[in-house]
Each structure stands twice: as structure tokens, then as C-alpha cells.
């Protein structure tokens, strides 16, 4: 544990940010999983779930939580699954 006051505050801030970022990543993965399950079971709302998953991926990419190339790759993979 750091002794300097500003370093102590930084540790607290980093913990909060880590929790928030982890929650956002988790929600993205959940949206992707929901879409994949819908595609497997041929649900009619798969298109809507694709839009929701794409939106989640774009938001994380804009905030810098995932790289732009990873975001594009994931969106491409999801769209390819819908096309099959």
C-alpha cells in the first residue's frame, strides 16, 4: 500500500475504474452470447440482438476498452453468423 496521499487516492480510483470497465466488458460478452444463442435456435429477434451487440462493441471501442481492430473483427464474426 502506498504511503503518499495522492498515490493512495490513485489506488482507490483505479479500483473503481477497474470495476466499471470489467462490468462493461461483461455486458459486451453477454450481448454477444445472447446473439449467438438466438442464431443457434433460429430466433426471429436475432437481427435486433446483432444490433445490440454491435452497439455494445462500438461503445467499448470508443472508450478504448478494446482495440478498434478487435471491435471490427468481432462485429464481422457476428454478422457472418447471422448470414449463415
PDB file of N, CA and C in Angstrom:
ATOM      1  N   UNK A   1       0.853  -1.185   0.000  1.00  0.00           N
ATOM      2  CA  UNK A   1       0.000   0.000   0.000  1.00  0.00           C
ATOM      3  C   UNK A   1       0.892   1.239   0.000  1.00  0.00           C
ATOM      4  N   UNK A   2       0.590   2.186  -0.836  1.00  0.00           N
ATOM      5  CA  UNK A   2       1.419   3.406  -0.894  1.00  0.00           C
ATOM      6  C   UNK A   2       1.236   4.280   0.342  1.00  0.00           C
ATOM      7  N   UNK A   3       2.252   5.092   0.604  1.00  0.00           N
ATOM      8  CA  UNK A   3       2.227   5.992   1.759  1.00  0.00           C
ATOM      9  C   UNK A   3       1.788   7.402   1.389  1.00  0.00           C
ATOM     10  N   UNK A   4       2.035   7.783   0.166  1.00  0.00           N
ATOM     11  CA  UNK A   4       1.733   9.144  -0.265  1.00  0.00           C
ATOM     12  C   UNK A   4       0.237   9.261  -0.530  1.00  0.00           C
ATOM     13  N   UNK A   5      -0.324  10.381  -0.087  1.00  0.00           N
ATOM     14  CA  UNK A   5      -1.777  10.570  -0.152  1.00  0.00           C
ATOM     15  C   UNK A   5      -2.315  10.476  -1.584  1.00  0.00           C
ATOM     16  N   UNK A   6      -1.624  11.100  -2.517  1.00  0.00           N
ATOM     17  CA  UNK A   6      -2.104  11.074  -3.900  1.00  0.00           C
ATOM     18  C   UNK A   6      -2.032   9.660  -4.481  1.00  0.00           C
ATOM     19  N   UNK A   7      -1.038   8.891  -4.072  1.00  0.00           N
ATOM     20  CA  UNK A   7      -0.922   7.513  -4.554  1.00  0.00           C
ATOM     21  C   UNK A   7      -2.022   6.644  -3.957  1.00  0.00           C
ATOM     22  N   UNK A   8      -2.384   6.914  -2.712  1.00  0.00           N
ATOM     23  CA  UNK A   8      -3.483   6.183  -2.071  1.00  0.00           C
ATOM     24  C   UNK A   8      -4.782   6.454  -2.814  1.00  0.00           C
ATOM     25  N   UNK A   9      -5.012   7.722  -3.148  1.00  0.00           N
ATOM     26  CA  UNK A   9      -6.220   8.094  -3.888  1.00  0.00           C
ATOM     27  C   UNK A   9      -6.218   7.445  -5.268  1.00  0.00           C
ATOM     28  N   UNK A  10      -5.044   7.366  -5.880  1.00  0.00           N
ATOM     29  CA  UNK A  10      -4.924   6.764  -7.211  1.00  0.00           C
ATOM     30  C   UNK A  10      -5.325   5.282  -7.163  1.00  0.00           C
ATOM     31  N   UNK A  11      -4.934   4.592  -6.093  1.00  0.00           N
ATOM     32  CA  UNK A  11      -5.292   3.178  -5.934  1.00  0.00           C
ATOM     33  C   UNK A  11      -6.804   3.036  -5.851  1.00  0.00           C
ATOM     34  N   UNK A  12      -7.441   3.911  -5.067  1.00  0.00           N
ATOM     35  CA  UNK A  12      -8.907   3.873  -4.952  1.00  0.00           C
ATOM     36  C   UNK A  12      -9.558   4.140  -6.304  1.00  0.00           C
ATOM     37  N   UNK A  13      -9.073   5.131  -7.014  1.00  0.00           N
ATOM     38  CA  UNK A  13      -9.630   5.499  -8.316  1.00  0.00           C
ATOM     39  C   UNK A  13      -9.467   4.346  -9.315  1.00  0.00           C
ATOM     40  N   UNK A  14      -8.291   3.719  -9.303  1.00  0.00           N
ATOM     41  CA  UNK A  14      -8.036   2.613 -10.224  1.00  0.00           C
ATOM     42  C   UNK A  14      -8.947   1.433  -9.937  1.00  0.00           C
ATOM     43  N   UNK A  15      -9.228   1.174  -8.674  1.00  0.00           N
ATOM     44  CA  UNK A  15     -10.127   0.079  -8.319  1.00  0.00           C
ATOM     45  C   UNK A  15     -11.542   0.336  -8.842  1.00  0.00           C
ATOM     46  N   UNK A  16     -12.018   1.573  -8.685  1.00  0.00           N
ATOM     47  CA  UNK A  16     -13.345   1.924  -9.191  1.00  0.00           C
ATOM     48  C   UNK A  16     -13.404   1.789 -10.708  1.00  0.00           C
ATOM     49  N   UNK A  17     -12.365   2.298 -11.377  1.00  0.00           N
ATOM     50  CA  UNK A  17     -12.324   2.231 -12.842  1.00  0.00           C
ATOM     51  C   UNK A  17     -12.267   0.783 -13.307  1.00  0.00           C
ATOM     52  N   UNK A  18     -11.500  -0.028 -12.594  1.00  0.00           N
ATOM     53  CA  UNK A  18     -11.380  -1.438 -12.964  1.00  0.00           C
ATOM     54  C   UNK A  18     -12.729  -2.145 -12.855  1.00  0.00           C
ATOM     55  N   UNK A  19     -13.469  -1.863 -11.801  1.00  0.00           N
ATOM     56  CA  UNK A  19     -14.786  -2.472 -11.640  1.00  0.00           C
ATOM     57  C   UNK A  19     -15.742  -2.026 -12.743  1.00  0.00           C
ATOM     58  N   UNK A  20     -15.727  -0.743 -13.050  1.00  0.00           N
ATOM     59  CA  UNK A  20     -16.612  -0.224 -14.097  1.00  0.00           C
ATOM     60  C   UNK A  20     -16.259  -0.819 -15.459  1.00  0.00           C
ATOM     61  N   UNK A  21     -14.964  -0.872 -15.764  1.00  0.00           N
ATOM     62  CA  UNK A  21     -14.538  -1.418 -17.056  1.00  0.00           C
ATOM     63  C   UNK A  21     -14.846  -2.907 -17.156  1.00  0.00           C
ATOM     64  N   UNK A  22     -14.673  -3.628 -16.061  1.00  0.00           N
ATOM     65  CA  UNK A  22     -14.977  -5.061 -16.059  1.00  0.00           C
ATOM     66  C   UNK A  22     -16.462  -5.294 -16.307  1.00  0.00           C
ATOM     67  N   UNK A  23     -17.301  -4.454 -15.711  1.00  0.00           N
ATOM     68  CA  UNK A  23     -18.750  -4.583 -15.904  1.00  0.00           C
ATOM     69  C   UNK A  23     -19.128  -4.318 -17.360  1.00  0.00           C
ATOM     70  N   UNK A  24     -18.494  -3.327 -17.977  1.00  0.00           N
ATOM     71  CA  UNK A  24     -18.792  -3.005 -19.368  1.00  0.00           C
ATOM     72  C   UNK A  24     -18.356  -4.140 -20.299  1.00  0.00           C
ATOM     73  N   UNK A  25     -17.177  -4.705 -20.037  1.00  0.00           N
ATOM     74  CA  UNK A  25     -16.708  -5.831 -20.847  1.00  0.00           C
ATOM     75  C   UNK A  25     -17.632  -7.030 -20.689  1.00  0.00           C
ATOM     76  N   UNK A  26     -18.099  -7.248 -19.470  1.00  0.00           N
ATOM     77  CA  UNK A  26     -19.000  -8.358 -19.206  1.00  0.00           C
ATOM     78  C   UNK A  26     -20.317  -8.183 -19.953  1.00  0.00           C
ATOM     79  N   UNK A  27     -20.839  -6.962 -19.980  1.00  0.00           N
ATOM     80  CA  UNK A  27     -22.098  -6.721 -20.682  1.00  0.00           C
ATOM     81  C   UNK A  27     -21.933  -6.925 -22.189  1.00  0.00           C
ATOM     82  N   UNK A  28     -20.747  -6.599 -22.718  1.00  0.00           N
ATOM     83  CA  UNK A  28     -20.494  -6.836 -24.134  1.00  0.00           C
ATOM     84  C   UNK A  28     -20.493  -8.332 -24.422  1.00  0.00           C
ATOM     85  N   UNK A  29     -19.808  -9.096 -23.590  1.00  0.00           N
ATOM     86  CA  UNK A  29     -19.740 -10.545 -23.790  1.00  0.00           C
ATOM     87  C   UNK A  29     -21.127 -11.170 -23.665  1.00  0.00           C
ATOM     88  N   UNK A  30     -21.923 -10.669 -22.735  1.00  0.00           N
ATOM     89  CA  UNK A  30     -23.284 -11.175 -22.551  1.00  0.00           C
ATOM     90  C   UNK A  30     -24.120 -10.905 -23.794  1.00  0.00           C
ATOM     91  N   UNK A  31     -24.010  -9.709 -24.346  1.00  0.00           N
ATOM     92  CA  UNK A  31     -24.773  -9.363 -25.552  1.00  0.00           C
ATOM     93  C   UNK A  31     -24.363 -10.264 -26.717  1.00  0.00           C
ATOM     94  N   UNK A  32     -23.079 -10.542 -26.825  1.00  0.00           N
ATOM     95  CA  UNK A  32     -22.604 -11.416 -27.898  1.00  0.00           C
ATOM     96  C   UNK A  32     -23.131 -12.832 -27.705  1.00  0.00           C
ATOM     97  N   UNK A  33     -23.128 -13.313 -26.465  1.00  0.00           N
ATOM     98  CA  UNK A  33     -23.622 -14.659 -26.187  1.00  0.00           C
ATOM     99  C   UNK A  33     -25.117 -14.782 -26.467  1.00  0.00           C
ATOM    100  N   UNK A  34     -25.882 -13.755 -26.098  1.00  0.00           N
ATOM    101  CA  UNK A  34     -27.327 -13.768 -26.365  1.00  0.00           C
ATOM    102  C   UNK A  34     -27.586 -13.870 -27.864  1.00  0.00           C
ATOM    103  N   UNK A  35     -26.818 -13.103 -28.638  1.00  0.00           N
ATOM    104  CA  UNK A  35     -26.979 -13.139 -30.093  1.00  0.00           C
ATOM    105  C   UNK A  35     -26.645 -14.526 -30.632  1.00  0.00           C
ATOM    106  N   UNK A  36     -25.535 -15.107 -30.174  1.00  0.00           N
ATOM    107  CA  UNK A  36     -25.122 -16.414 -30.671  1.00  0.00           C
ATOM    108  C   UNK A  36     -26.155 -17.490 -30.337  1.00  0.00           C
ATOM    109  N   UNK A  37     -26.741 -17.419 -29.143  1.00  0.00           N
ATOM    110  CA  UNK A  37     -27.790 -18.380 -28.776  1.00  0.00           C
ATOM    111  C   UNK A  37     -29.021 -18.199 -29.670  1.00  0.00           C
ATOM    112  N   UNK A  38     -29.365 -16.955 -29.962  1.00  0.00           N
ATOM    113  CA  UNK A  38     -30.526 -16.686 -30.819  1.00  0.00           C
ATOM    114  C   UNK A  38     -30.299 -17.226 -32.222  1.00  0.00           C
ATOM    115  N   UNK A  39     -29.085 -17.096 -32.732  1.00  0.00           N
ATOM    116  CA  UNK A  39     -28.772 -17.601 -34.064  1.00  0.00           C
ATOM    117  C   UNK A  39     -28.862 -19.127 -34.082  1.00  0.00           C
ATOM    118  N   UNK A  40     -28.343 -19.763 -33.035  1.00  0.00           N
ATOM    119  CA  UNK A  40     -28.377 -21.228 -32.965  1.00  0.00           C
ATOM    120  C   UNK A  40     -29.814 -21.760 -32.947  1.00  0.00           C
ATOM    121  N   UNK A  41     -30.693 -21.059 -32.224  1.00  0.00           N
ATOM    122  CA  UNK A  41     -32.073 -21.529 -32.110  1.00  0.00           C
ATOM    123  C   UNK A  41     -33.000 -20.908 -33.161  1.00  0.00           C
ATOM    124  N   UNK A  42     -32.416 -20.187 -34.118  1.00  0.00           N
ATOM    125  CA  UNK A  42     -33.171 -19.568 -35.215  1.00  0.00           C
ATOM    126  C   UNK A  42     -34.294 -18.652 -34.722  1.00  0.00           C
ATOM    127  N   UNK A  43     -34.014 -17.850 -33.712  1.00  0.00           N
ATOM    128  CA  UNK A  43     -34.994 -16.878 -33.233  1.00  0.00           C
ATOM    129  C   UNK A  43     -35.147 -15.738 -34.234  1.00  0.00           C
ATOM    130  N   UNK A  44     -36.344 -15.172 -34.270  1.00  0.00           N
ATOM    131  CA  UNK A  44     -36.583 -14.064 -35.205  1.00  0.00           C
ATOM    132  C   UNK A  44     -36.003 -12.745 -34.702  1.00  0.00           C
ATOM    133  N   UNK A  45     -35.643 -12.677 -33.417  1.00  0.00           N
ATOM    134  CA  UNK A  45     -35.081 -11.430 -32.887  1.00  0.00           C
ATOM    135  C   UNK A  45     -33.557 -11.409 -32.966  1.00  0.00           C
ATOM    136  N   UNK A  46     -32.959 -12.291 -33.758  1.00  0.00           N
ATOM    137  CA  UNK A  46     -31.502 -12.344 -33.883  1.00  0.00           C
ATOM    138  C   UNK A  46     -30.956 -11.046 -34.475  1.00  0.00           C
ATOM    139  N   UNK A  47     -31.697 -10.482 -35.408  1.00  0.00           N
ATOM    140  CA  UNK A  47     -31.245  -9.225 -36.044  1.00  0.00           C
ATOM    141  C   UNK A  47     -31.167  -8.095 -35.005  1.00  0.00           C
ATOM    142  N   UNK A  48     -32.169  -8.024 -34.126  1.00  0.00           N
ATOM    143  CA  UNK A  48     -32.174  -6.997 -33.076  1.00  0.00           C
ATOM    144  C   UNK A  48     -31.031  -7.219 -32.096  1.00  0.00           C
ATOM    145  N   UNK A  49     -30.762  -8.478 -31.771  1.00  0.00           N
ATOM    146  CA  UNK A  49     -29.670  -8.788 -30.858  1.00  0.00           C
ATOM    147  C   UNK A  49     -28.315  -8.478 -31.488  1.00  0.00           C
ATOM    148  N   UNK A  50     -28.213  -8.631 -32.809  1.00  0.00           N
ATOM    149  CA  UNK A  50     -26.986  -8.253 -33.504  1.00  0.00           C
ATOM    150  C   UNK A  50     -26.752  -6.757 -33.379  1.00  0.00           C
ATOM    151  N   UNK A  51     -27.804  -5.976 -33.546  1.00  0.00           N
ATOM    152  CA  UNK A  51     -27.690  -4.521 -33.413  1.00  0.00           C
ATOM    153  C   UNK A  51     -27.262  -4.158 -31.997  1.00  0.00           C
ATOM    154  N   UNK A  52     -27.840  -4.824 -30.988  1.00  0.00           N
ATOM    155  CA  UNK A  52     -27.491  -4.544 -29.594  1.00  0.00           C
ATOM    156  C   UNK A  52     -26.040  -4.912 -29.314  1.00  0.00           C
ATOM    157  N   UNK A  53     -25.598  -6.061 -29.810  1.00  0.00           N
ATOM    158  CA  UNK A  53     -24.219  -6.492 -29.584  1.00  0.00           C
ATOM    159  C   UNK A  53     -23.239  -5.558 -30.293  1.00  0.00           C
ATOM    160  N   UNK A  54     -23.588  -5.159 -31.508  1.00  0.00           N
ATOM    161  CA  UNK A  54     -22.736  -4.238 -32.254  1.00  0.00           C
ATOM    162  C   UNK A  54     -22.614  -2.904 -31.527  1.00  0.00           C
ATOM    163  N   UNK A  55     -23.716  -2.460 -30.951  1.00  0.00           N
ATOM    164  CA  UNK A  55     -23.701  -1.194 -30.211  1.00  0.00           C
ATOM    165  C   UNK A  55     -22.786  -1.295 -28.989  1.00  0.00           C
ATOM    166  N   UNK A  56     -22.876  -2.397 -28.274  1.00  0.00           N
ATOM    167  CA  UNK A  56     -22.017  -2.608 -27.107  1.00  0.00           C
ATOM    168  C   UNK A  56     -20.543  -2.599 -27.517  1.00  0.00           C
ATOM    169  N   UNK A  57     -20.245  -3.310 -28.597  1.00  0.00           N
ATOM    170  CA  UNK A  57     -18.860  -3.383 -29.066  1.00  0.00           C
ATOM    171  C   UNK A  57     -18.361  -2.000 -29.462  1.00  0.00           C
ATOM    172  N   UNK A  58     -19.186  -1.239 -30.177  1.00  0.00           N
ATOM    173  CA  UNK A  58     -18.785   0.101 -30.605  1.00  0.00           C
ATOM    174  C   UNK A  58     -18.539   1.029 -29.420  1.00  0.00           C
ATOM    175  N   UNK A  59     -19.379   0.914 -28.385  1.00  0.00           N
ATOM    176  CA  UNK A  59     -19.204   1.781 -27.213  1.00  0.00           C
ATOM    177  C   UNK A  59     -17.886   1.478 -26.508  1.00  0.00           C
ATOM    178  N   UNK A  60     -17.558   0.206 -26.373  1.00  0.00           N
ATOM    179  CA  UNK A  60     -16.303  -0.148 -25.718  1.00  0.00           C
ATOM    180  C   UNK A  60     -15.106   0.276 -26.545  1.00  0.00           C
ATOM    181  N   UNK A  61     -15.244   0.168 -27.850  1.00  0.00           N
ATOM    182  CA  UNK A  61     -14.164   0.591 -28.728  1.00  0.00           C
ATOM    183  C   UNK A  61     -13.948   2.102 -28.638  1.00  0.00           C
ATOM    184  N   UNK A  62     -15.040   2.846 -28.573  1.00  0.00           N
ATOM    185  CA  UNK A  62     -14.938   4.305 -28.485  1.00  0.00           C
ATOM    186  C   UNK A  62     -14.295   4.744 -27.176  1.00  0.00           C
ATOM    187  N   UNK A  63     -14.532   3.988 -26.115  1.00  0.00           N
ATOM    188  CA  UNK A  63     -13.940   4.328 -24.822  1.00  0.00           C
ATOM    189  C   UNK A  63     -12.521   3.803 -24.669  1.00  0.00           C
ATOM    190  N   UNK A  64     -12.063   3.000 -25.624  1.00  0.00           N
ATOM    191  CA  UNK A  64     -10.699   2.498 -25.583  1.00  0.00           C
ATOM    192  C   UNK A  64     -10.527   1.240 -24.754  1.00  0.00           C
ATOM    193  N   UNK A  65     -11.622   0.593 -24.395  1.00  0.00           N
ATOM    194  CA  UNK A  65     -11.517  -0.630 -23.602  1.00  0.00           C
ATOM    195  C   UNK A  65     -11.120  -1.821 -24.455  1.00  0.00           C
ATOM    196  N   UNK A  66     -11.480  -1.808 -25.729  1.00  0.00           N
ATOM    197  CA  UNK A  66     -10.994  -2.811 -26.666  1.00  0.00           C
ATOM    198  C   UNK A  66     -10.452  -2.080 -27.884  1.00  0.00           C
ATOM    199  N   UNK A  67      -9.532  -2.714 -28.567  1.00  0.00           N
ATOM    200  CA  UNK A  67      -8.904  -2.101 -29.730  1.00  0.00           C
ATOM    201  C   UNK A  67      -9.895  -2.042 -30.888  1.00  0.00           C
ATOM    202  N   UNK A  68      -9.730  -1.065 -31.745  1.00  0.00           N
ATOM    203  CA  UNK A  68     -10.627  -0.874 -32.889  1.00  0.00           C
ATOM    204  C   UNK A  68     -10.640  -2.106 -33.796  1.00  0.00           C
ATOM    205  N   UNK A  69      -9.470  -2.694 -34.012  1.00  0.00           N
ATOM    206  CA  UNK A  69      -9.404  -3.878 -34.869  1.00  0.00           C
ATOM    207  C   UNK A  69     -10.158  -5.049 -34.254  1.00  0.00           C
ATOM    208  N   UNK A  70     -10.057  -5.213 -32.946  1.00  0.00           N
ATOM    209  CA  UNK A  70     -10.783  -6.291 -32.269  1.00  0.00           C
ATOM    210  C   UNK A  70     -12.285  -6.060 -32.397  1.00  0.00           C
ATOM    211  N   UNK A  71     -12.707  -4.814 -32.249  1.00  0.00           N
ATOM    212  CA  UNK A  71     -14.124  -4.491 -32.366  1.00  0.00           C
ATOM    213  C   UNK A  71     -14.633  -4.844 -33.759  1.00  0.00           C
ATOM    214  N   UNK A  72     -13.885  -4.447 -34.772  1.00  0.00           N
ATOM    215  CA  UNK A  72     -14.295  -4.738 -36.141  1.00  0.00           C
ATOM    216  C   UNK A  72     -14.309  -6.241 -36.416  1.00  0.00           C
ATOM    217  N   UNK A  73     -13.332  -6.944 -35.878  1.00  0.00           N
ATOM    218  CA  UNK A  73     -13.267  -8.393 -36.073  1.00  0.00           C
ATOM    219  C   UNK A  73     -14.466  -9.081 -35.437  1.00  0.00           C
ATOM    220  N   UNK A  74     -14.814  -8.679 -34.212  1.00  0.00           N
ATOM    221  CA  UNK A  74     -15.951  -9.285 -33.518  1.00  0.00           C
ATOM    222  C   UNK A  74     -17.262  -8.995 -34.246  1.00  0.00           C
ATOM    223  N   UNK A  75     -17.433  -7.758 -34.698  1.00  0.00           N
ATOM    224  CA  UNK A  75     -18.656  -7.399 -35.425  1.00  0.00           C
ATOM    225  C   UNK A  75     -18.763  -8.201 -36.722  1.00  0.00           C
ATOM    226  N   UNK A  76     -17.646  -8.384 -37.397  1.00  0.00           N
ATOM    227  CA  UNK A  76     -17.633  -9.150 -38.637  1.00  0.00           C
ATOM    228  C   UNK A  76     -18.007 -10.600 -38.378  1.00  0.00           C
ATOM    229  N   UNK A  77     -17.487 -11.178 -37.325  1.00  0.00           N
ATOM    230  CA  UNK A  77     -17.785 -12.566 -36.996  1.00  0.00           C
ATOM    231  C   UNK A  77     -19.262 -12.742 -36.664  1.00  0.00           C
ATOM    232  N   UNK A  78     -19.816 -11.769 -35.925  1.00  0.00           N
ATOM    233  CA  UNK A  78     -21.241 -11.862 -35.563  1.00  0.00           C
ATOM    234  C   UNK A  78     -22.123 -11.742 -36.804  1.00  0.00           C
ATOM    235  N   UNK A  79     -21.780 -10.817 -37.700  1.00  0.00           N
ATOM    236  CA  UNK A  79     -22.563 -10.629 -38.913  1.00  0.00           C
ATOM    237  C   UNK A  79     -22.486 -11.872 -39.797  1.00  0.00           C
ATOM    238  N   UNK A  80     -21.325 -12.517 -39.805  1.00  0.00           N
ATOM    239  CA  UNK A  80     -21.158 -13.722 -40.616  1.00  0.00           C
ATOM    240  C   UNK A  80     -22.027 -14.848 -40.084  1.00  0.00           C
ATOM    241  N   UNK A  81     -22.160 -14.940 -38.754  1.00  0.00           N
ATOM    242  CA  UNK A  81     -23.012 -15.964 -38.157  1.00  0.00           C
ATOM    243  C   UNK A  81     -24.475 -15.748 -38.523  1.00  0.00           C
ATOM    244  N   UNK A  82     -24.900 -14.498 -38.588  1.00  0.00           N
ATOM    245  CA  UNK A  82     -26.279 -14.202 -38.953  1.00  0.00           C
ATOM    246  C   UNK A  82     -26.541 -14.547 -40.414  1.00  0.00           C
ATOM    247  N   UNK A  83     -25.546 -14.332 -41.270  1.00  0.00           N
ATOM    248  CA  UNK A  83     -25.713 -14.563 -42.700  1.00  0.00           C
ATOM    249  C   UNK A  83     -25.847 -16.048 -43.048  1.00  0.00           C
ATOM    250  N   UNK A  84     -25.289 -16.904 -42.190  1.00  0.00           N
ATOM    251  CA  UNK A  84     -25.332 -18.365 -42.487  1.00  0.00           C
ATOM    252  C   UNK A  84     -26.706 -18.939 -42.450  1.00  0.00           C
TER     253      UNK A  84
END
